[in-house]
N, C-alpha and C. Protein backbone atom coordinates (compact mmCIF):
# COMPACT_ATOMS: atom_id res chain seq x y z
N MET A 1 46.37 93.01 45.74
CA MET A 1 44.94 93.03 45.49
C MET A 1 44.67 92.53 44.08
N GLU A 2 43.68 91.67 43.95
CA GLU A 2 43.30 91.13 42.65
C GLU A 2 42.12 91.92 42.12
N LEU A 3 42.17 92.29 40.87
CA LEU A 3 41.07 93.01 40.23
C LEU A 3 40.53 92.16 39.11
N THR A 4 39.22 91.90 39.14
CA THR A 4 38.57 91.14 38.08
C THR A 4 37.96 92.11 37.09
N VAL A 5 38.28 91.95 35.82
CA VAL A 5 37.80 92.86 34.79
C VAL A 5 36.91 92.08 33.84
N TYR A 6 35.65 92.49 33.71
CA TYR A 6 34.72 91.88 32.77
C TYR A 6 34.34 92.90 31.70
N ALA A 7 33.99 92.43 30.53
CA ALA A 7 33.65 93.33 29.44
C ALA A 7 32.27 92.98 28.89
N PRO A 8 31.22 93.68 29.26
CA PRO A 8 29.90 93.44 28.69
C PRO A 8 29.83 93.97 27.26
N GLU A 9 28.62 93.93 26.68
CA GLU A 9 28.47 94.38 25.30
C GLU A 9 28.88 95.84 25.13
N HIS A 10 28.60 96.66 26.13
CA HIS A 10 29.00 98.07 26.09
C HIS A 10 29.96 98.30 27.25
N PRO A 11 31.23 97.98 27.07
CA PRO A 11 32.18 98.01 28.19
C PRO A 11 32.38 99.41 28.73
N PRO A 12 32.57 99.53 30.05
CA PRO A 12 32.90 100.82 30.64
C PRO A 12 34.34 101.19 30.34
N PRO A 13 34.74 102.41 30.67
CA PRO A 13 36.16 102.77 30.49
C PRO A 13 37.07 101.81 31.23
N LEU A 14 38.28 101.68 30.73
CA LEU A 14 39.24 100.77 31.34
C LEU A 14 39.42 101.13 32.82
N PRO A 15 39.27 100.17 33.73
CA PRO A 15 39.39 100.48 35.15
C PRO A 15 40.81 100.87 35.54
N VAL A 16 40.89 101.59 36.62
CA VAL A 16 42.18 102.00 37.16
C VAL A 16 42.59 101.00 38.23
N LEU A 17 43.74 100.37 38.05
CA LEU A 17 44.21 99.43 39.05
C LEU A 17 44.65 100.17 40.30
N PRO A 18 44.42 99.58 41.46
CA PRO A 18 44.91 100.20 42.68
C PRO A 18 46.42 100.22 42.70
N PRO A 19 47.02 101.14 43.42
CA PRO A 19 48.49 101.18 43.47
C PRO A 19 49.06 99.93 44.12
N ALA A 20 50.27 99.58 43.74
CA ALA A 20 50.94 98.45 44.36
C ALA A 20 51.19 98.74 45.83
N PRO A 21 51.19 97.71 46.69
CA PRO A 21 51.46 97.95 48.11
C PRO A 21 52.86 98.48 48.35
N ALA A 22 53.04 99.08 49.50
CA ALA A 22 54.36 99.59 49.87
C ALA A 22 55.34 98.43 50.06
N PRO A 23 56.61 98.62 49.72
CA PRO A 23 57.59 97.54 49.91
C PRO A 23 57.71 97.14 51.38
N TRP A 24 58.07 95.89 51.60
CA TRP A 24 58.32 95.38 52.94
C TRP A 24 59.44 96.20 53.58
N GLN A 25 59.33 96.44 54.88
CA GLN A 25 60.26 97.37 55.53
C GLN A 25 61.65 96.79 55.74
N TYR A 26 61.79 95.46 55.67
CA TYR A 26 63.08 94.83 55.91
C TYR A 26 63.62 94.19 54.63
N PRO A 27 64.93 94.16 54.44
CA PRO A 27 65.50 93.45 53.29
C PRO A 27 65.13 91.97 53.34
N ILE A 28 64.96 91.37 52.18
CA ILE A 28 64.63 89.94 52.11
C ILE A 28 65.47 89.31 51.01
N SER A 29 66.11 88.21 51.32
CA SER A 29 66.97 87.54 50.34
C SER A 29 66.14 86.72 49.37
N THR A 30 66.79 86.31 48.28
CA THR A 30 66.11 85.47 47.30
C THR A 30 65.66 84.16 47.91
N ALA A 31 66.52 83.54 48.70
CA ALA A 31 66.17 82.26 49.33
C ALA A 31 65.02 82.43 50.31
N ALA A 32 65.03 83.52 51.07
CA ALA A 32 63.96 83.75 52.05
C ALA A 32 62.62 83.99 51.37
N LEU A 33 62.62 84.74 50.29
CA LEU A 33 61.37 84.97 49.57
C LEU A 33 60.87 83.68 48.94
N TYR A 34 61.77 82.90 48.38
CA TYR A 34 61.37 81.62 47.79
C TYR A 34 60.73 80.71 48.84
N ARG A 35 61.33 80.61 50.02
CA ARG A 35 60.75 79.78 51.08
C ARG A 35 59.38 80.30 51.50
N ARG A 36 59.25 81.62 51.61
CA ARG A 36 57.98 82.21 52.01
C ARG A 36 56.89 81.90 50.98
N VAL A 37 57.22 82.01 49.70
CA VAL A 37 56.23 81.73 48.65
C VAL A 37 55.85 80.25 48.66
N ARG A 38 56.82 79.35 48.80
CA ARG A 38 56.52 77.92 48.83
C ARG A 38 55.60 77.59 49.99
N ILE A 39 55.86 78.15 51.16
CA ILE A 39 55.02 77.87 52.32
C ILE A 39 53.61 78.42 52.11
N ALA A 40 53.52 79.64 51.57
CA ALA A 40 52.21 80.25 51.34
C ALA A 40 51.40 79.44 50.34
N LEU A 41 52.02 79.01 49.25
CA LEU A 41 51.30 78.20 48.27
C LEU A 41 50.89 76.86 48.86
N GLY A 42 51.73 76.30 49.74
CA GLY A 42 51.42 75.02 50.34
C GLY A 42 50.17 75.05 51.20
N ARG A 43 49.81 76.22 51.71
CA ARG A 43 48.59 76.33 52.53
C ARG A 43 47.33 76.30 51.68
N HIS A 44 47.43 76.61 50.39
CA HIS A 44 46.23 76.77 49.58
C HIS A 44 46.21 75.92 48.31
N THR A 45 47.27 75.21 48.03
CA THR A 45 47.31 74.35 46.84
C THR A 45 47.91 73.01 47.21
N ALA A 46 47.78 72.06 46.29
CA ALA A 46 48.39 70.74 46.47
C ALA A 46 49.55 70.54 45.51
N LEU A 47 50.17 71.63 45.08
CA LEU A 47 51.31 71.53 44.18
C LEU A 47 52.48 70.84 44.88
N VAL A 48 53.11 69.92 44.18
CA VAL A 48 54.24 69.18 44.76
C VAL A 48 55.35 69.09 43.73
N GLY A 49 56.53 68.72 44.20
CA GLY A 49 57.66 68.47 43.32
C GLY A 49 58.01 69.66 42.47
N MET A 50 58.33 69.40 41.20
CA MET A 50 58.75 70.46 40.30
C MET A 50 57.63 71.44 40.01
N ASP A 51 56.37 71.01 40.08
CA ASP A 51 55.26 71.94 39.87
C ASP A 51 55.29 73.04 40.93
N ALA A 52 55.55 72.68 42.18
CA ALA A 52 55.62 73.68 43.25
C ALA A 52 56.83 74.59 43.08
N VAL A 53 57.96 74.02 42.67
CA VAL A 53 59.16 74.82 42.45
C VAL A 53 58.93 75.82 41.33
N ILE A 54 58.37 75.35 40.21
CA ILE A 54 58.13 76.22 39.06
C ILE A 54 57.17 77.34 39.44
N ALA A 55 56.09 77.01 40.14
CA ALA A 55 55.11 78.04 40.51
C ALA A 55 55.76 79.12 41.37
N ALA A 56 56.57 78.72 42.34
CA ALA A 56 57.20 79.70 43.23
C ALA A 56 58.18 80.58 42.45
N LEU A 57 59.00 79.98 41.60
CA LEU A 57 59.96 80.77 40.84
C LEU A 57 59.26 81.69 39.84
N TRP A 58 58.17 81.22 39.25
CA TRP A 58 57.43 82.06 38.30
C TRP A 58 56.81 83.26 39.01
N ILE A 59 56.30 83.04 40.21
CA ILE A 59 55.76 84.15 41.00
C ILE A 59 56.85 85.19 41.24
N MET A 60 58.02 84.76 41.65
CA MET A 60 59.13 85.68 41.88
C MET A 60 59.50 86.42 40.60
N ASN A 61 59.44 85.71 39.47
CA ASN A 61 59.75 86.33 38.20
C ASN A 61 58.78 87.46 37.86
N SER A 62 57.52 87.37 38.34
CA SER A 62 56.55 88.41 38.03
C SER A 62 56.97 89.77 38.59
N TYR A 63 57.84 89.79 39.57
CA TYR A 63 58.30 91.04 40.17
C TYR A 63 59.51 91.63 39.44
N VAL A 64 60.19 90.83 38.65
CA VAL A 64 61.41 91.30 37.97
C VAL A 64 61.37 91.04 36.47
N PHE A 65 60.20 90.72 35.92
CA PHE A 65 60.14 90.28 34.52
C PHE A 65 60.63 91.34 33.56
N ARG A 66 60.51 92.63 33.93
CA ARG A 66 60.96 93.68 33.02
C ARG A 66 62.47 93.72 32.87
N THR A 67 63.17 92.99 33.73
CA THR A 67 64.62 92.90 33.62
C THR A 67 65.04 92.08 32.40
N PHE A 68 64.16 91.20 31.92
CA PHE A 68 64.49 90.24 30.88
C PHE A 68 63.66 90.49 29.63
N PRO A 69 64.13 90.02 28.47
CA PRO A 69 63.42 90.28 27.22
C PRO A 69 62.23 89.37 26.99
N HIS A 70 62.08 88.32 27.79
CA HIS A 70 61.01 87.35 27.56
C HIS A 70 60.46 86.89 28.89
N CYS A 71 59.14 86.73 28.97
CA CYS A 71 58.50 86.25 30.20
C CYS A 71 57.62 85.06 29.84
N PRO A 72 58.02 83.84 30.16
CA PRO A 72 57.26 82.67 29.72
C PRO A 72 55.88 82.61 30.34
N ARG A 73 54.90 82.20 29.53
CA ARG A 73 53.56 81.97 30.08
C ARG A 73 53.60 80.83 31.09
N LEU A 74 52.74 80.93 32.11
CA LEU A 74 52.55 79.82 33.04
C LEU A 74 51.19 79.21 32.73
N VAL A 75 51.16 77.96 32.32
CA VAL A 75 49.92 77.27 31.99
C VAL A 75 49.57 76.35 33.16
N VAL A 76 48.42 76.59 33.78
CA VAL A 76 47.98 75.83 34.95
C VAL A 76 46.82 74.93 34.52
N GLY A 77 46.99 73.64 34.66
CA GLY A 77 45.95 72.69 34.28
C GLY A 77 45.26 72.10 35.49
N GLY A 78 43.93 72.07 35.47
CA GLY A 78 43.18 71.30 36.46
C GLY A 78 42.43 72.09 37.50
N SER A 79 43.04 73.05 38.17
CA SER A 79 42.41 73.70 39.31
C SER A 79 42.40 75.22 39.14
N ARG A 80 41.20 75.79 39.04
CA ARG A 80 41.08 77.24 38.97
C ARG A 80 41.56 77.90 40.27
N ASN A 81 41.29 77.24 41.40
CA ASN A 81 41.69 77.82 42.68
C ASN A 81 43.21 77.87 42.82
N ALA A 82 43.91 76.88 42.30
CA ALA A 82 45.36 76.94 42.32
C ALA A 82 45.87 78.10 41.49
N ALA A 83 45.25 78.31 40.31
CA ALA A 83 45.63 79.44 39.48
C ALA A 83 45.36 80.76 40.20
N ARG A 84 44.25 80.86 40.92
CA ARG A 84 43.94 82.08 41.67
C ARG A 84 44.92 82.29 42.81
N ALA A 85 45.33 81.20 43.47
CA ALA A 85 46.30 81.33 44.56
C ALA A 85 47.65 81.81 44.03
N ILE A 86 48.07 81.27 42.90
CA ILE A 86 49.33 81.72 42.29
C ILE A 86 49.22 83.19 41.92
N LEU A 87 48.10 83.56 41.30
CA LEU A 87 47.91 84.96 40.89
C LEU A 87 47.98 85.90 42.09
N ALA A 88 47.38 85.50 43.21
CA ALA A 88 47.34 86.38 44.39
C ALA A 88 48.73 86.71 44.90
N CYS A 89 49.70 85.85 44.64
CA CYS A 89 51.07 86.09 45.10
C CYS A 89 51.87 86.96 44.14
N CYS A 90 51.34 87.18 42.94
CA CYS A 90 52.11 87.87 41.90
C CYS A 90 52.00 89.38 42.02
N HIS A 91 52.83 90.04 41.22
CA HIS A 91 52.86 91.51 41.20
C HIS A 91 51.68 92.04 40.37
N ARG A 92 50.89 92.94 40.96
CA ARG A 92 49.76 93.61 40.31
C ARG A 92 48.85 92.61 39.60
N PRO A 93 48.19 91.71 40.35
CA PRO A 93 47.39 90.64 39.72
C PRO A 93 46.07 91.15 39.16
N VAL A 94 45.71 90.65 37.98
CA VAL A 94 44.45 90.99 37.33
C VAL A 94 43.87 89.73 36.68
N ARG A 95 42.60 89.47 36.93
CA ARG A 95 41.91 88.34 36.29
C ARG A 95 40.93 88.91 35.27
N VAL A 96 41.08 88.55 34.01
CA VAL A 96 40.23 89.10 32.96
C VAL A 96 39.35 88.00 32.38
N ALA A 97 38.17 88.39 31.92
CA ALA A 97 37.24 87.45 31.30
C ALA A 97 36.44 88.16 30.23
N HIS A 98 36.43 87.60 29.02
CA HIS A 98 35.64 88.11 27.90
C HIS A 98 35.88 89.60 27.67
N MET A 99 37.12 89.96 27.67
CA MET A 99 37.50 91.36 27.53
C MET A 99 37.90 91.64 26.09
N ALA A 100 37.56 92.81 25.60
CA ALA A 100 37.91 93.16 24.22
C ALA A 100 39.42 93.14 24.05
N PRO A 101 39.92 92.62 22.94
CA PRO A 101 41.37 92.54 22.72
C PRO A 101 42.08 93.88 22.89
N ALA A 102 41.50 94.94 22.36
CA ALA A 102 42.15 96.25 22.49
C ALA A 102 42.27 96.67 23.94
N ALA A 103 41.24 96.36 24.75
CA ALA A 103 41.28 96.72 26.16
C ALA A 103 42.34 95.92 26.91
N VAL A 104 42.50 94.64 26.53
CA VAL A 104 43.53 93.81 27.17
C VAL A 104 44.92 94.38 26.89
N LEU A 105 45.17 94.74 25.64
CA LEU A 105 46.47 95.30 25.30
C LEU A 105 46.70 96.64 26.00
N GLU A 106 45.66 97.45 26.10
CA GLU A 106 45.81 98.73 26.80
C GLU A 106 46.10 98.51 28.28
N LEU A 107 45.42 97.53 28.87
CA LEU A 107 45.66 97.20 30.28
C LEU A 107 47.11 96.75 30.47
N ALA A 108 47.60 95.89 29.57
CA ALA A 108 48.98 95.41 29.67
C ALA A 108 49.98 96.54 29.49
N ALA A 109 49.71 97.43 28.54
CA ALA A 109 50.64 98.53 28.26
C ALA A 109 50.66 99.54 29.40
N ARG A 110 49.52 99.78 30.02
CA ARG A 110 49.44 100.83 31.04
C ARG A 110 50.01 100.38 32.37
N TYR A 111 49.76 99.12 32.75
CA TYR A 111 50.10 98.69 34.11
C TYR A 111 51.15 97.59 34.18
N GLN A 112 51.43 96.88 33.08
CA GLN A 112 52.30 95.69 33.12
C GLN A 112 51.91 94.77 34.28
N PRO A 113 50.62 94.38 34.36
CA PRO A 113 50.18 93.54 35.47
C PRO A 113 50.50 92.07 35.21
N THR A 114 50.19 91.22 36.19
CA THR A 114 50.16 89.78 35.97
C THR A 114 48.73 89.40 35.65
N ILE A 115 48.50 88.81 34.49
CA ILE A 115 47.15 88.56 34.00
C ILE A 115 46.83 87.07 34.09
N LEU A 116 45.64 86.76 34.64
CA LEU A 116 45.11 85.40 34.62
C LEU A 116 43.94 85.35 33.65
N VAL A 117 43.99 84.41 32.72
CA VAL A 117 42.94 84.29 31.71
C VAL A 117 42.66 82.81 31.47
N SER A 118 41.41 82.48 31.20
CA SER A 118 41.05 81.10 30.88
C SER A 118 41.57 80.74 29.49
N GLY A 119 41.98 79.49 29.34
CA GLY A 119 42.44 79.02 28.04
C GLY A 119 41.37 79.05 26.99
N ARG A 120 40.10 79.13 27.40
CA ARG A 120 38.99 79.18 26.45
C ARG A 120 38.61 80.61 26.08
N ASP A 121 39.21 81.58 26.71
CA ASP A 121 38.88 82.97 26.42
C ASP A 121 39.45 83.35 25.06
N PRO A 122 38.70 84.10 24.25
CA PRO A 122 39.20 84.47 22.92
C PRO A 122 40.49 85.28 22.93
N VAL A 123 40.80 85.96 24.04
CA VAL A 123 42.00 86.80 24.05
C VAL A 123 43.26 86.01 24.40
N THR A 124 43.12 84.70 24.70
CA THR A 124 44.28 83.93 25.14
C THR A 124 45.39 83.94 24.10
N ASP A 125 45.05 83.68 22.85
CA ASP A 125 46.07 83.68 21.80
C ASP A 125 46.70 85.06 21.63
N LEU A 126 45.90 86.10 21.81
CA LEU A 126 46.44 87.46 21.72
C LEU A 126 47.49 87.70 22.80
N LEU A 127 47.27 87.16 23.99
CA LEU A 127 48.18 87.41 25.10
C LEU A 127 49.55 86.77 24.90
N VAL A 128 49.68 85.87 23.93
CA VAL A 128 51.00 85.32 23.62
C VAL A 128 51.96 86.46 23.26
N THR A 129 51.44 87.49 22.60
CA THR A 129 52.31 88.58 22.16
C THR A 129 52.87 89.37 23.32
N THR A 130 52.21 89.32 24.49
CA THR A 130 52.69 90.11 25.62
C THR A 130 53.93 89.51 26.26
N ASN A 131 54.23 88.26 25.96
CA ASN A 131 55.30 87.57 26.67
C ASN A 131 56.69 87.84 26.11
N ALA A 132 56.75 88.38 24.91
CA ALA A 132 58.04 88.56 24.26
C ALA A 132 58.45 90.02 24.18
N GLY A 133 57.94 90.83 25.11
CA GLY A 133 58.31 92.23 25.10
C GLY A 133 57.79 92.96 23.88
N SER A 134 56.63 92.55 23.37
CA SER A 134 56.10 93.12 22.14
C SER A 134 55.80 94.61 22.31
N THR A 135 56.06 95.37 21.26
CA THR A 135 55.81 96.81 21.29
C THR A 135 55.06 97.21 20.03
N LEU A 136 54.40 98.36 20.11
CA LEU A 136 53.66 98.89 18.97
C LEU A 136 53.81 100.40 18.97
N THR A 137 54.12 100.95 17.80
CA THR A 137 54.18 102.40 17.66
C THR A 137 52.85 102.88 17.09
N THR A 138 52.15 103.75 17.81
CA THR A 138 50.84 104.21 17.41
C THR A 138 50.97 105.26 16.30
N ALA A 139 49.80 105.68 15.78
CA ALA A 139 49.78 106.65 14.69
C ALA A 139 50.38 107.99 15.09
N ILE A 140 50.36 108.29 16.39
CA ILE A 140 50.91 109.57 16.84
C ILE A 140 52.34 109.42 17.36
N GLY A 141 52.93 108.24 17.11
CA GLY A 141 54.32 108.05 17.49
C GLY A 141 54.55 107.55 18.89
N GLU A 142 53.47 107.28 19.64
CA GLU A 142 53.62 106.76 21.00
C GLU A 142 53.99 105.29 20.94
N ARG A 143 55.00 104.90 21.70
CA ARG A 143 55.46 103.51 21.69
C ARG A 143 54.93 102.79 22.94
N LEU A 144 54.14 101.75 22.72
CA LEU A 144 53.52 101.02 23.82
C LEU A 144 54.19 99.65 23.97
N SER A 145 54.38 99.22 25.20
CA SER A 145 54.94 97.91 25.48
C SER A 145 53.85 97.02 26.08
N PHE A 146 53.71 95.79 25.53
CA PHE A 146 52.72 94.86 26.03
C PHE A 146 53.38 93.72 26.81
N HIS A 147 54.55 93.99 27.34
CA HIS A 147 55.32 92.98 28.05
C HIS A 147 54.73 92.78 29.44
N CYS A 148 54.18 91.60 29.74
CA CYS A 148 53.68 91.33 31.09
C CYS A 148 53.54 89.83 31.30
N PRO A 149 53.55 89.37 32.56
CA PRO A 149 53.40 87.94 32.84
C PRO A 149 51.94 87.52 32.63
N VAL A 150 51.75 86.30 32.13
CA VAL A 150 50.41 85.79 31.84
C VAL A 150 50.28 84.37 32.39
N ILE A 151 49.20 84.13 33.15
CA ILE A 151 48.83 82.79 33.60
C ILE A 151 47.63 82.34 32.77
N VAL A 152 47.72 81.18 32.15
CA VAL A 152 46.61 80.63 31.37
C VAL A 152 46.09 79.40 32.11
N PHE A 153 44.77 79.38 32.38
CA PHE A 153 44.15 78.28 33.11
C PHE A 153 43.33 77.40 32.17
N PHE A 154 43.57 76.08 32.23
CA PHE A 154 42.77 75.12 31.48
C PHE A 154 42.06 74.21 32.49
N PRO A 155 40.72 74.18 32.53
CA PRO A 155 40.02 73.50 33.62
C PRO A 155 39.96 71.99 33.53
N TYR A 156 39.89 71.40 32.34
CA TYR A 156 39.51 70.00 32.26
C TYR A 156 40.63 69.04 31.91
N LYS A 157 41.69 69.50 31.36
CA LYS A 157 42.76 68.58 31.00
C LYS A 157 44.08 69.33 31.02
N ARG A 158 45.13 68.58 31.17
CA ARG A 158 46.45 69.18 31.14
C ARG A 158 46.76 69.63 29.71
N PRO A 159 47.04 70.90 29.52
CA PRO A 159 47.27 71.39 28.16
C PRO A 159 48.59 70.87 27.60
N ARG A 160 48.70 70.94 26.30
CA ARG A 160 49.89 70.45 25.62
C ARG A 160 50.73 71.57 25.02
N HIS A 161 50.39 72.82 25.32
CA HIS A 161 51.18 73.91 24.75
C HIS A 161 51.39 74.99 25.80
N GLY A 162 52.32 75.89 25.52
CA GLY A 162 52.69 76.90 26.50
C GLY A 162 54.13 76.70 26.91
N GLU A 163 54.76 77.77 27.33
CA GLU A 163 56.17 77.67 27.67
C GLU A 163 56.42 76.85 28.93
N ILE A 164 55.61 77.07 29.96
CA ILE A 164 55.78 76.36 31.23
C ILE A 164 54.42 75.80 31.64
N VAL A 165 54.37 74.52 31.96
CA VAL A 165 53.11 73.86 32.28
C VAL A 165 53.22 73.21 33.65
N ILE A 166 52.21 73.44 34.50
CA ILE A 166 52.14 72.74 35.78
C ILE A 166 50.76 72.11 35.92
N ASP A 167 50.69 71.01 36.65
CA ASP A 167 49.44 70.28 36.84
C ASP A 167 48.96 70.51 38.27
N ALA A 168 47.79 71.14 38.41
CA ALA A 168 47.25 71.47 39.72
C ALA A 168 45.93 70.76 39.97
N ALA A 169 45.74 69.59 39.36
CA ALA A 169 44.44 68.92 39.40
C ALA A 169 44.04 68.51 40.81
N ALA A 170 44.99 68.28 41.69
CA ALA A 170 44.67 67.79 43.03
C ALA A 170 44.51 68.91 44.06
N SER A 171 44.49 70.17 43.64
CA SER A 171 44.41 71.28 44.58
C SER A 171 43.04 71.35 45.24
N PRO A 172 42.96 71.95 46.44
CA PRO A 172 41.69 72.04 47.16
C PRO A 172 40.62 72.80 46.36
N ASP A 173 39.36 72.49 46.68
CA ASP A 173 38.25 73.09 45.94
C ASP A 173 37.92 74.51 46.42
N ARG A 174 38.25 74.86 47.65
CA ARG A 174 37.86 76.15 48.21
C ARG A 174 39.04 77.12 48.23
N PHE A 175 38.81 78.30 47.71
CA PHE A 175 39.79 79.38 47.82
C PHE A 175 38.99 80.66 47.92
N ARG A 176 38.85 81.18 49.13
CA ARG A 176 37.96 82.31 49.39
C ARG A 176 38.67 83.63 49.13
N ASN A 177 37.87 84.69 49.03
CA ASN A 177 38.46 86.02 48.84
C ASN A 177 39.37 86.39 50.00
N ALA A 178 39.02 85.93 51.21
CA ALA A 178 39.87 86.20 52.37
C ALA A 178 41.23 85.53 52.21
N ASP A 179 41.25 84.32 51.64
CA ASP A 179 42.52 83.64 51.39
C ASP A 179 43.35 84.42 50.37
N ARG A 180 42.68 84.89 49.32
CA ARG A 180 43.36 85.68 48.30
C ARG A 180 43.99 86.93 48.90
N ASP A 181 43.23 87.64 49.72
CA ASP A 181 43.74 88.87 50.32
C ASP A 181 44.90 88.59 51.28
N ALA A 182 44.79 87.50 52.04
CA ALA A 182 45.88 87.15 52.97
C ALA A 182 47.16 86.83 52.22
N LEU A 183 47.05 86.09 51.12
CA LEU A 183 48.24 85.79 50.32
C LEU A 183 48.84 87.06 49.74
N SER A 184 48.00 87.94 49.23
CA SER A 184 48.50 89.18 48.64
C SER A 184 49.23 90.02 49.68
N HIS A 185 48.66 90.14 50.85
CA HIS A 185 49.27 90.97 51.90
C HIS A 185 50.56 90.36 52.42
N GLU A 186 50.66 89.03 52.35
CA GLU A 186 51.88 88.37 52.84
C GLU A 186 53.02 88.43 51.83
N ILE A 187 52.72 88.22 50.55
CA ILE A 187 53.76 88.04 49.54
C ILE A 187 54.09 89.32 48.79
N GLN A 188 53.11 90.09 48.39
CA GLN A 188 53.38 91.21 47.50
C GLN A 188 54.34 92.25 48.08
N PRO A 189 54.18 92.72 49.32
CA PRO A 189 55.16 93.69 49.84
C PRO A 189 56.58 93.13 49.87
N ARG A 190 56.71 91.87 50.22
CA ARG A 190 58.04 91.25 50.25
C ARG A 190 58.61 91.11 48.84
N GLY A 191 57.74 90.74 47.89
CA GLY A 191 58.20 90.63 46.52
C GLY A 191 58.67 91.96 45.96
N ILE A 192 57.97 93.03 46.28
CA ILE A 192 58.36 94.35 45.79
C ILE A 192 59.68 94.78 46.42
N ARG A 193 59.86 94.53 47.72
CA ARG A 193 61.13 94.89 48.36
C ARG A 193 62.28 94.08 47.76
N TRP A 194 62.05 92.79 47.55
CA TRP A 194 63.09 91.95 46.94
C TRP A 194 63.43 92.44 45.54
N SER A 195 62.42 92.80 44.77
CA SER A 195 62.65 93.30 43.41
C SER A 195 63.48 94.58 43.43
N ASN A 196 63.13 95.50 44.31
CA ASN A 196 63.86 96.76 44.39
C ASN A 196 65.33 96.54 44.74
N ASP A 197 65.58 95.55 45.61
CA ASP A 197 66.95 95.30 46.07
C ASP A 197 67.77 94.46 45.08
N GLN A 198 67.10 93.55 44.35
CA GLN A 198 67.84 92.54 43.59
C GLN A 198 67.77 92.70 42.08
N ARG A 199 66.94 93.58 41.56
CA ARG A 199 66.70 93.64 40.11
C ARG A 199 67.98 93.84 39.32
N ASP A 200 68.77 94.82 39.71
CA ASP A 200 70.00 95.10 38.95
C ASP A 200 71.00 93.96 39.05
N ARG A 201 71.09 93.34 40.20
CA ARG A 201 72.01 92.22 40.38
C ARG A 201 71.59 91.03 39.52
N LEU A 202 70.28 90.76 39.45
CA LEU A 202 69.78 89.67 38.63
C LEU A 202 70.05 89.94 37.15
N ALA A 203 69.83 91.19 36.73
CA ALA A 203 70.06 91.53 35.32
C ALA A 203 71.51 91.30 34.93
N ALA A 204 72.43 91.69 35.80
CA ALA A 204 73.84 91.52 35.50
C ALA A 204 74.24 90.05 35.49
N ARG A 205 73.64 89.27 36.38
CA ARG A 205 74.04 87.87 36.52
C ARG A 205 73.53 87.00 35.39
N PHE A 206 72.29 87.27 34.93
CA PHE A 206 71.66 86.37 33.97
C PHE A 206 71.56 86.94 32.56
N ALA A 207 72.18 88.07 32.32
CA ALA A 207 72.06 88.71 31.01
C ALA A 207 72.48 87.79 29.88
N SER A 208 73.50 86.98 30.09
CA SER A 208 74.01 86.11 29.02
C SER A 208 73.36 84.73 29.03
N LYS A 209 72.45 84.47 30.00
CA LYS A 209 71.88 83.13 30.13
C LYS A 209 70.41 83.06 29.76
N VAL A 210 69.77 84.20 29.54
CA VAL A 210 68.34 84.21 29.25
C VAL A 210 68.10 83.76 27.82
N PRO A 211 67.23 82.74 27.60
CA PRO A 211 66.94 82.32 26.22
C PRO A 211 66.29 83.44 25.44
N PRO A 212 66.47 83.50 24.14
CA PRO A 212 65.86 84.56 23.34
C PRO A 212 64.35 84.45 23.33
N ALA A 213 63.67 85.53 22.96
CA ALA A 213 62.22 85.53 22.87
C ALA A 213 61.77 84.42 21.93
N GLY A 214 60.73 83.71 22.36
CA GLY A 214 60.21 82.61 21.55
C GLY A 214 60.88 81.28 21.84
N SER A 215 61.87 81.27 22.73
CA SER A 215 62.57 80.03 23.03
C SER A 215 61.65 79.05 23.77
N ARG A 216 61.84 77.75 23.53
CA ARG A 216 61.06 76.72 24.22
C ARG A 216 61.92 75.97 25.24
N SER A 217 63.04 76.53 25.62
CA SER A 217 63.99 75.80 26.46
C SER A 217 63.90 76.19 27.92
N TRP A 218 62.79 76.84 28.36
CA TRP A 218 62.72 77.30 29.74
C TRP A 218 62.66 76.18 30.73
N ARG A 219 61.88 75.16 30.47
CA ARG A 219 61.77 74.08 31.46
C ARG A 219 63.04 73.26 31.51
């Protein structure tokens, strides 16, 4: 389920995200989940080649990102609907707009969601800190983690910065709420089951291969 969070001049208390869906009842392999995500994205986007591969792998990473010290931003250029389709497949998706910086950090610390934000939103630069496992110790000694996946959308041109960039300019114009819900119901339970089964194995396999925080060598 995708939750859109807006912040008016007098913002309400931080909303409570709905619980994550129950895991899929059957085991699912990495290859099977990857194929399922590629097919699902193909129904709603025009991503091709390496852009489609990167989008699918990044979606899978949203379910296991806490296994690694760094989670690269995904920068989507051209199509808002493609960015929404990618978000719908991710773990605990949230779309934020004009939200107070403190509220964004609290949302990231409380839920570790996957966040979609416009590249023109003032909090975009702030969200860079969430990608490197950033933490903060509060005045009362509470340690908060702002580590979460972030999708940044740029509507008019392909951006020139960000860890991972894909071009979705040719994606379809229509992406309805029903499409979003169908993608979420198809992918999220499977992603959660795959994460539960594979997280420890992935951590052991890639512990020595993950680039350090701040690395630009992901692509």
